[in-house]
Amino acid sequence: MQALCSLTEIPDGEARAFPYRDRSLVLVRRGLKAWAYVNRCPHAGVELQWQENRFMSLDGTQLQCSTHGALFNIDSGYCTWGPCQGRSLQSLSISIENGIVYLME
C-alpha cells in the first residue's frame, strides 16, 4: 500500500493528480468516498486536466478531458460523451483507512 494523501486534502467534489509510475493518477472525492484512475484519456492518450488539478466538468459532476471534452462518470470512469464514448478510464484500487487514502498495489 502507498499512502497518497488525507481525504480532506482533496476538496469535496474535486480531483487531484498524484505521481503514478511513468505518468500520474487522478483521485476524485465525493463526500467520504474516493475513486482513482490512471490520468490518461482512452481516446487521445493525454492527461485529462486542462490546468494543474483541474479535472472537473463545468457543472462539477464529471471528469472531463481537456483535449476533446470527453466526459467520464466519477464512480466508474465510464465515458458518457465524446470521442471515447463507451470506453472507460483505467481504474486503480484504493482504500481509505482512518481518513488516509492508500493506493493498493
N, C-alpha and C. Protein backbone atom coordinates (compact mmCIF):
# COMPACT_ATOMS: atom_id res chain seq x y z
N MET A 1 0.84 -1.19 0.00
CA MET A 1 0.00 0.00 0.00
C MET A 1 0.88 1.25 0.00
N GLN A 2 0.44 2.22 -0.75
CA GLN A 2 1.15 3.51 -0.80
C GLN A 2 0.18 4.60 -0.38
N ALA A 3 0.54 5.35 0.66
CA ALA A 3 -0.30 6.47 1.11
C ALA A 3 -0.23 7.59 0.08
N LEU A 4 -1.41 8.06 -0.34
CA LEU A 4 -1.47 9.17 -1.31
C LEU A 4 -1.66 10.51 -0.62
N CYS A 5 -2.66 10.57 0.26
CA CYS A 5 -2.97 11.83 0.94
C CYS A 5 -4.06 11.58 1.96
N SER A 6 -4.35 12.60 2.73
CA SER A 6 -5.52 12.60 3.59
C SER A 6 -6.72 12.91 2.69
N LEU A 7 -7.83 12.26 2.93
CA LEU A 7 -9.02 12.50 2.12
C LEU A 7 -9.40 13.98 2.13
N THR A 8 -9.21 14.64 3.26
CA THR A 8 -9.59 16.05 3.38
C THR A 8 -8.67 17.00 2.61
N GLU A 9 -7.55 16.50 2.10
CA GLU A 9 -6.68 17.34 1.27
C GLU A 9 -7.29 17.60 -0.10
N ILE A 10 -8.28 16.79 -0.47
CA ILE A 10 -8.97 16.99 -1.74
C ILE A 10 -10.32 17.61 -1.42
N PRO A 11 -10.59 18.82 -1.87
CA PRO A 11 -11.89 19.42 -1.59
C PRO A 11 -13.02 18.52 -2.11
N ASP A 12 -14.11 18.46 -1.37
CA ASP A 12 -15.26 17.66 -1.78
C ASP A 12 -15.72 18.09 -3.17
N GLY A 13 -15.89 17.11 -4.05
CA GLY A 13 -16.33 17.41 -5.41
C GLY A 13 -15.21 17.77 -6.36
N GLU A 14 -13.98 17.63 -5.93
CA GLU A 14 -12.82 17.98 -6.75
C GLU A 14 -11.95 16.75 -6.98
N ALA A 15 -10.88 16.94 -7.74
CA ALA A 15 -9.93 15.87 -8.05
C ALA A 15 -8.51 16.43 -7.99
N ARG A 16 -7.56 15.55 -7.73
CA ARG A 16 -6.15 15.93 -7.68
C ARG A 16 -5.31 14.87 -8.38
N ALA A 17 -4.18 15.30 -8.92
CA ALA A 17 -3.24 14.39 -9.58
C ALA A 17 -2.14 13.99 -8.59
N PHE A 18 -1.69 12.75 -8.73
CA PHE A 18 -0.59 12.23 -7.93
C PHE A 18 0.33 11.42 -8.84
N PRO A 19 1.63 11.42 -8.56
CA PRO A 19 2.54 10.62 -9.38
C PRO A 19 2.14 9.14 -9.35
N TYR A 20 2.25 8.51 -10.50
CA TYR A 20 1.93 7.08 -10.61
C TYR A 20 2.74 6.49 -11.75
N ARG A 21 3.69 5.65 -11.40
CA ARG A 21 4.58 5.02 -12.38
C ARG A 21 5.17 6.07 -13.31
N ASP A 22 4.99 5.93 -14.62
CA ASP A 22 5.59 6.88 -15.56
C ASP A 22 4.64 8.02 -15.93
N ARG A 23 3.50 8.11 -15.25
CA ARG A 23 2.56 9.22 -15.51
C ARG A 23 1.93 9.66 -14.20
N SER A 24 0.67 9.91 -14.16
CA SER A 24 0.02 10.30 -12.91
C SER A 24 -1.33 9.60 -12.80
N LEU A 25 -1.88 9.68 -11.62
CA LEU A 25 -3.24 9.19 -11.41
C LEU A 25 -4.09 10.36 -10.98
N VAL A 26 -5.39 10.23 -11.17
CA VAL A 26 -6.33 11.25 -10.72
C VAL A 26 -7.18 10.63 -9.62
N LEU A 27 -7.27 11.33 -8.50
CA LEU A 27 -8.05 10.90 -7.35
C LEU A 27 -9.21 11.87 -7.20
N VAL A 28 -10.43 11.34 -7.24
CA VAL A 28 -11.64 12.15 -7.18
C VAL A 28 -12.36 11.90 -5.86
N ARG A 29 -12.84 12.95 -5.23
CA ARG A 29 -13.54 12.82 -3.94
C ARG A 29 -14.98 13.28 -4.05
N ARG A 30 -15.86 12.49 -3.44
CA ARG A 30 -17.27 12.85 -3.22
C ARG A 30 -17.60 12.45 -1.79
N GLY A 31 -17.71 13.44 -0.93
CA GLY A 31 -18.01 13.15 0.47
C GLY A 31 -16.91 12.31 1.10
N LEU A 32 -17.28 11.16 1.64
CA LEU A 32 -16.31 10.27 2.28
C LEU A 32 -15.82 9.18 1.34
N LYS A 33 -16.17 9.28 0.06
CA LYS A 33 -15.74 8.29 -0.93
C LYS A 33 -14.73 8.90 -1.89
N ALA A 34 -13.92 8.04 -2.49
CA ALA A 34 -12.95 8.49 -3.48
C ALA A 34 -12.75 7.39 -4.52
N TRP A 35 -12.33 7.80 -5.72
CA TRP A 35 -12.05 6.89 -6.82
C TRP A 35 -10.74 7.32 -7.45
N ALA A 36 -9.98 6.35 -7.95
CA ALA A 36 -8.69 6.65 -8.58
C ALA A 36 -8.65 6.05 -9.98
N TYR A 37 -8.08 6.81 -10.90
CA TYR A 37 -7.94 6.39 -12.29
C TYR A 37 -6.57 6.80 -12.81
N VAL A 38 -6.06 6.04 -13.77
CA VAL A 38 -4.86 6.48 -14.47
C VAL A 38 -5.25 7.77 -15.20
N ASN A 39 -4.43 8.77 -15.08
CA ASN A 39 -4.72 10.09 -15.67
C ASN A 39 -4.38 10.06 -17.16
N ARG A 40 -5.22 9.37 -17.91
CA ARG A 40 -4.99 9.24 -19.36
C ARG A 40 -6.31 9.00 -20.07
N CYS A 41 -6.61 9.85 -21.03
CA CYS A 41 -7.82 9.71 -21.84
C CYS A 41 -7.71 8.45 -22.70
N PRO A 42 -8.73 7.59 -22.70
CA PRO A 42 -8.66 6.37 -23.53
C PRO A 42 -8.69 6.65 -25.03
N HIS A 43 -9.07 7.85 -25.42
CA HIS A 43 -9.11 8.20 -26.85
C HIS A 43 -7.79 8.81 -27.31
N ALA A 44 -7.35 9.86 -26.63
CA ALA A 44 -6.19 10.61 -27.09
C ALA A 44 -4.89 10.22 -26.40
N GLY A 45 -4.96 9.51 -25.28
CA GLY A 45 -3.76 9.11 -24.55
C GLY A 45 -3.09 10.25 -23.81
N VAL A 46 -3.77 11.39 -23.68
CA VAL A 46 -3.21 12.55 -22.98
C VAL A 46 -3.78 12.63 -21.57
N GLU A 47 -3.09 13.40 -20.71
CA GLU A 47 -3.63 13.62 -19.37
C GLU A 47 -4.92 14.44 -19.47
N LEU A 48 -5.81 14.25 -18.52
CA LEU A 48 -7.14 14.84 -18.59
C LEU A 48 -7.21 16.31 -18.25
N GLN A 49 -6.44 16.77 -17.28
CA GLN A 49 -6.61 18.13 -16.75
C GLN A 49 -6.27 19.20 -17.77
N TRP A 50 -6.97 20.33 -17.64
CA TRP A 50 -6.71 21.47 -18.52
C TRP A 50 -5.79 22.47 -17.84
N GLN A 51 -5.69 22.44 -16.54
CA GLN A 51 -4.73 23.19 -15.74
C GLN A 51 -4.39 22.29 -14.56
N GLU A 52 -3.38 22.62 -13.80
CA GLU A 52 -3.00 21.77 -12.68
C GLU A 52 -4.19 21.49 -11.77
N ASN A 53 -4.47 20.22 -11.58
CA ASN A 53 -5.56 19.74 -10.72
C ASN A 53 -6.94 20.27 -11.11
N ARG A 54 -7.15 20.54 -12.38
CA ARG A 54 -8.46 20.97 -12.90
C ARG A 54 -8.99 19.87 -13.81
N PHE A 55 -9.80 18.99 -13.24
CA PHE A 55 -10.28 17.81 -13.93
C PHE A 55 -11.79 17.82 -14.17
N MET A 56 -12.53 18.63 -13.43
CA MET A 56 -13.97 18.51 -13.41
C MET A 56 -14.64 19.30 -14.54
N SER A 57 -15.79 18.77 -14.97
CA SER A 57 -16.62 19.49 -15.95
C SER A 57 -17.11 20.79 -15.32
N LEU A 58 -17.61 21.70 -16.13
CA LEU A 58 -18.06 22.99 -15.61
C LEU A 58 -19.13 22.86 -14.53
N ASP A 59 -20.00 21.86 -14.67
CA ASP A 59 -21.04 21.69 -13.65
C ASP A 59 -20.56 20.85 -12.46
N GLY A 60 -19.31 20.37 -12.52
CA GLY A 60 -18.72 19.65 -11.40
C GLY A 60 -19.19 18.23 -11.20
N THR A 61 -19.91 17.67 -12.18
CA THR A 61 -20.47 16.34 -11.99
C THR A 61 -19.66 15.21 -12.61
N GLN A 62 -18.73 15.55 -13.53
CA GLN A 62 -17.96 14.51 -14.21
C GLN A 62 -16.52 14.95 -14.41
N LEU A 63 -15.66 13.96 -14.61
CA LEU A 63 -14.29 14.26 -15.05
C LEU A 63 -14.36 14.63 -16.52
N GLN A 64 -13.51 15.55 -16.96
CA GLN A 64 -13.56 15.98 -18.36
C GLN A 64 -12.15 16.00 -18.94
N CYS A 65 -12.01 15.49 -20.15
CA CYS A 65 -10.75 15.54 -20.87
C CYS A 65 -10.59 16.91 -21.50
N SER A 66 -9.46 17.54 -21.26
CA SER A 66 -9.24 18.89 -21.78
C SER A 66 -9.05 18.92 -23.29
N THR A 67 -8.64 17.81 -23.88
CA THR A 67 -8.33 17.80 -25.31
C THR A 67 -9.58 17.75 -26.19
N HIS A 68 -10.49 16.83 -25.91
CA HIS A 68 -11.69 16.69 -26.75
C HIS A 68 -13.00 16.86 -25.98
N GLY A 69 -12.92 17.17 -24.70
CA GLY A 69 -14.13 17.42 -23.92
C GLY A 69 -14.87 16.17 -23.49
N ALA A 70 -14.27 14.99 -23.67
CA ALA A 70 -14.93 13.75 -23.25
C ALA A 70 -15.29 13.82 -21.77
N LEU A 71 -16.45 13.27 -21.41
CA LEU A 71 -16.93 13.28 -20.03
C LEU A 71 -16.96 11.87 -19.47
N PHE A 72 -16.52 11.74 -18.21
CA PHE A 72 -16.41 10.43 -17.56
C PHE A 72 -17.13 10.45 -16.22
N ASN A 73 -17.92 9.39 -15.94
CA ASN A 73 -18.57 9.25 -14.65
C ASN A 73 -17.50 9.16 -13.56
N ILE A 74 -17.75 9.80 -12.46
CA ILE A 74 -16.79 9.82 -11.35
C ILE A 74 -16.67 8.44 -10.71
N ASP A 75 -17.78 7.76 -10.52
CA ASP A 75 -17.76 6.50 -9.78
C ASP A 75 -17.41 5.26 -10.61
N SER A 76 -17.31 5.41 -11.93
CA SER A 76 -17.00 4.24 -12.77
C SER A 76 -15.92 4.50 -13.81
N GLY A 77 -15.66 5.77 -14.12
CA GLY A 77 -14.70 6.11 -15.16
C GLY A 77 -15.25 5.94 -16.56
N TYR A 78 -16.52 5.59 -16.68
CA TYR A 78 -17.16 5.33 -17.97
C TYR A 78 -17.38 6.63 -18.74
N CYS A 79 -17.00 6.63 -20.01
CA CYS A 79 -17.16 7.82 -20.85
C CYS A 79 -18.60 7.92 -21.34
N THR A 80 -19.26 9.01 -20.98
CA THR A 80 -20.67 9.20 -21.34
C THR A 80 -20.85 10.11 -22.55
N TRP A 81 -19.79 10.84 -22.91
CA TRP A 81 -19.88 11.76 -24.05
C TRP A 81 -18.49 12.00 -24.60
N GLY A 82 -18.38 12.09 -25.92
CA GLY A 82 -17.12 12.42 -26.56
C GLY A 82 -16.61 11.29 -27.45
N PRO A 83 -15.42 11.46 -28.00
CA PRO A 83 -14.90 10.50 -28.97
C PRO A 83 -14.58 9.12 -28.39
N CYS A 84 -14.50 9.00 -27.09
CA CYS A 84 -14.23 7.68 -26.49
C CYS A 84 -15.48 7.12 -25.82
N GLN A 85 -16.66 7.61 -26.21
CA GLN A 85 -17.92 7.18 -25.61
C GLN A 85 -18.01 5.67 -25.60
N GLY A 86 -18.37 5.12 -24.45
CA GLY A 86 -18.50 3.68 -24.29
C GLY A 86 -17.25 3.03 -23.74
N ARG A 87 -16.14 3.74 -23.70
CA ARG A 87 -14.91 3.23 -23.10
C ARG A 87 -14.78 3.81 -21.70
N SER A 88 -13.77 3.36 -20.97
CA SER A 88 -13.61 3.81 -19.59
C SER A 88 -12.16 4.16 -19.28
N LEU A 89 -12.01 5.02 -18.28
CA LEU A 89 -10.69 5.28 -17.73
C LEU A 89 -10.23 4.01 -17.02
N GLN A 90 -8.93 3.82 -16.92
CA GLN A 90 -8.39 2.66 -16.21
C GLN A 90 -8.45 2.93 -14.71
N SER A 91 -9.24 2.12 -14.00
CA SER A 91 -9.41 2.35 -12.56
C SER A 91 -8.25 1.73 -11.78
N LEU A 92 -8.00 2.31 -10.63
CA LEU A 92 -6.97 1.83 -9.72
C LEU A 92 -7.61 1.55 -8.37
N SER A 93 -7.14 0.55 -7.70
CA SER A 93 -7.68 0.15 -6.40
C SER A 93 -7.13 1.05 -5.30
N ILE A 94 -8.03 1.60 -4.50
CA ILE A 94 -7.63 2.40 -3.35
C ILE A 94 -8.38 1.93 -2.12
N SER A 95 -7.88 2.34 -0.98
CA SER A 95 -8.51 2.06 0.30
C SER A 95 -8.43 3.33 1.14
N ILE A 96 -9.46 3.59 1.93
CA ILE A 96 -9.45 4.74 2.83
C ILE A 96 -9.48 4.18 4.25
N GLU A 97 -8.42 4.46 5.00
CA GLU A 97 -8.32 3.98 6.38
C GLU A 97 -7.93 5.14 7.28
N ASN A 98 -8.74 5.38 8.29
CA ASN A 98 -8.50 6.48 9.23
C ASN A 98 -8.30 7.81 8.51
N GLY A 99 -9.06 8.03 7.42
CA GLY A 99 -9.01 9.28 6.70
C GLY A 99 -7.86 9.42 5.72
N ILE A 100 -7.02 8.37 5.58
CA ILE A 100 -5.89 8.40 4.65
C ILE A 100 -6.25 7.53 3.45
N VAL A 101 -5.95 8.05 2.24
CA VAL A 101 -6.21 7.31 1.00
C VAL A 101 -4.94 6.56 0.62
N TYR A 102 -5.07 5.25 0.44
CA TYR A 102 -3.96 4.39 0.05
C TYR A 102 -4.19 3.81 -1.32
N LEU A 103 -3.14 3.78 -2.13
CA LEU A 103 -3.17 3.09 -3.41
C LEU A 103 -2.80 1.64 -3.13
N MET A 104 -3.64 0.72 -3.58
CA MET A 104 -3.41 -0.72 -3.36
C MET A 104 -2.66 -1.28 -4.56
N GLU A 105 -1.44 -1.76 -4.34
CA GLU A 105 -0.68 -2.36 -5.45
C GLU A 105 -0.05 -3.62 -5.00
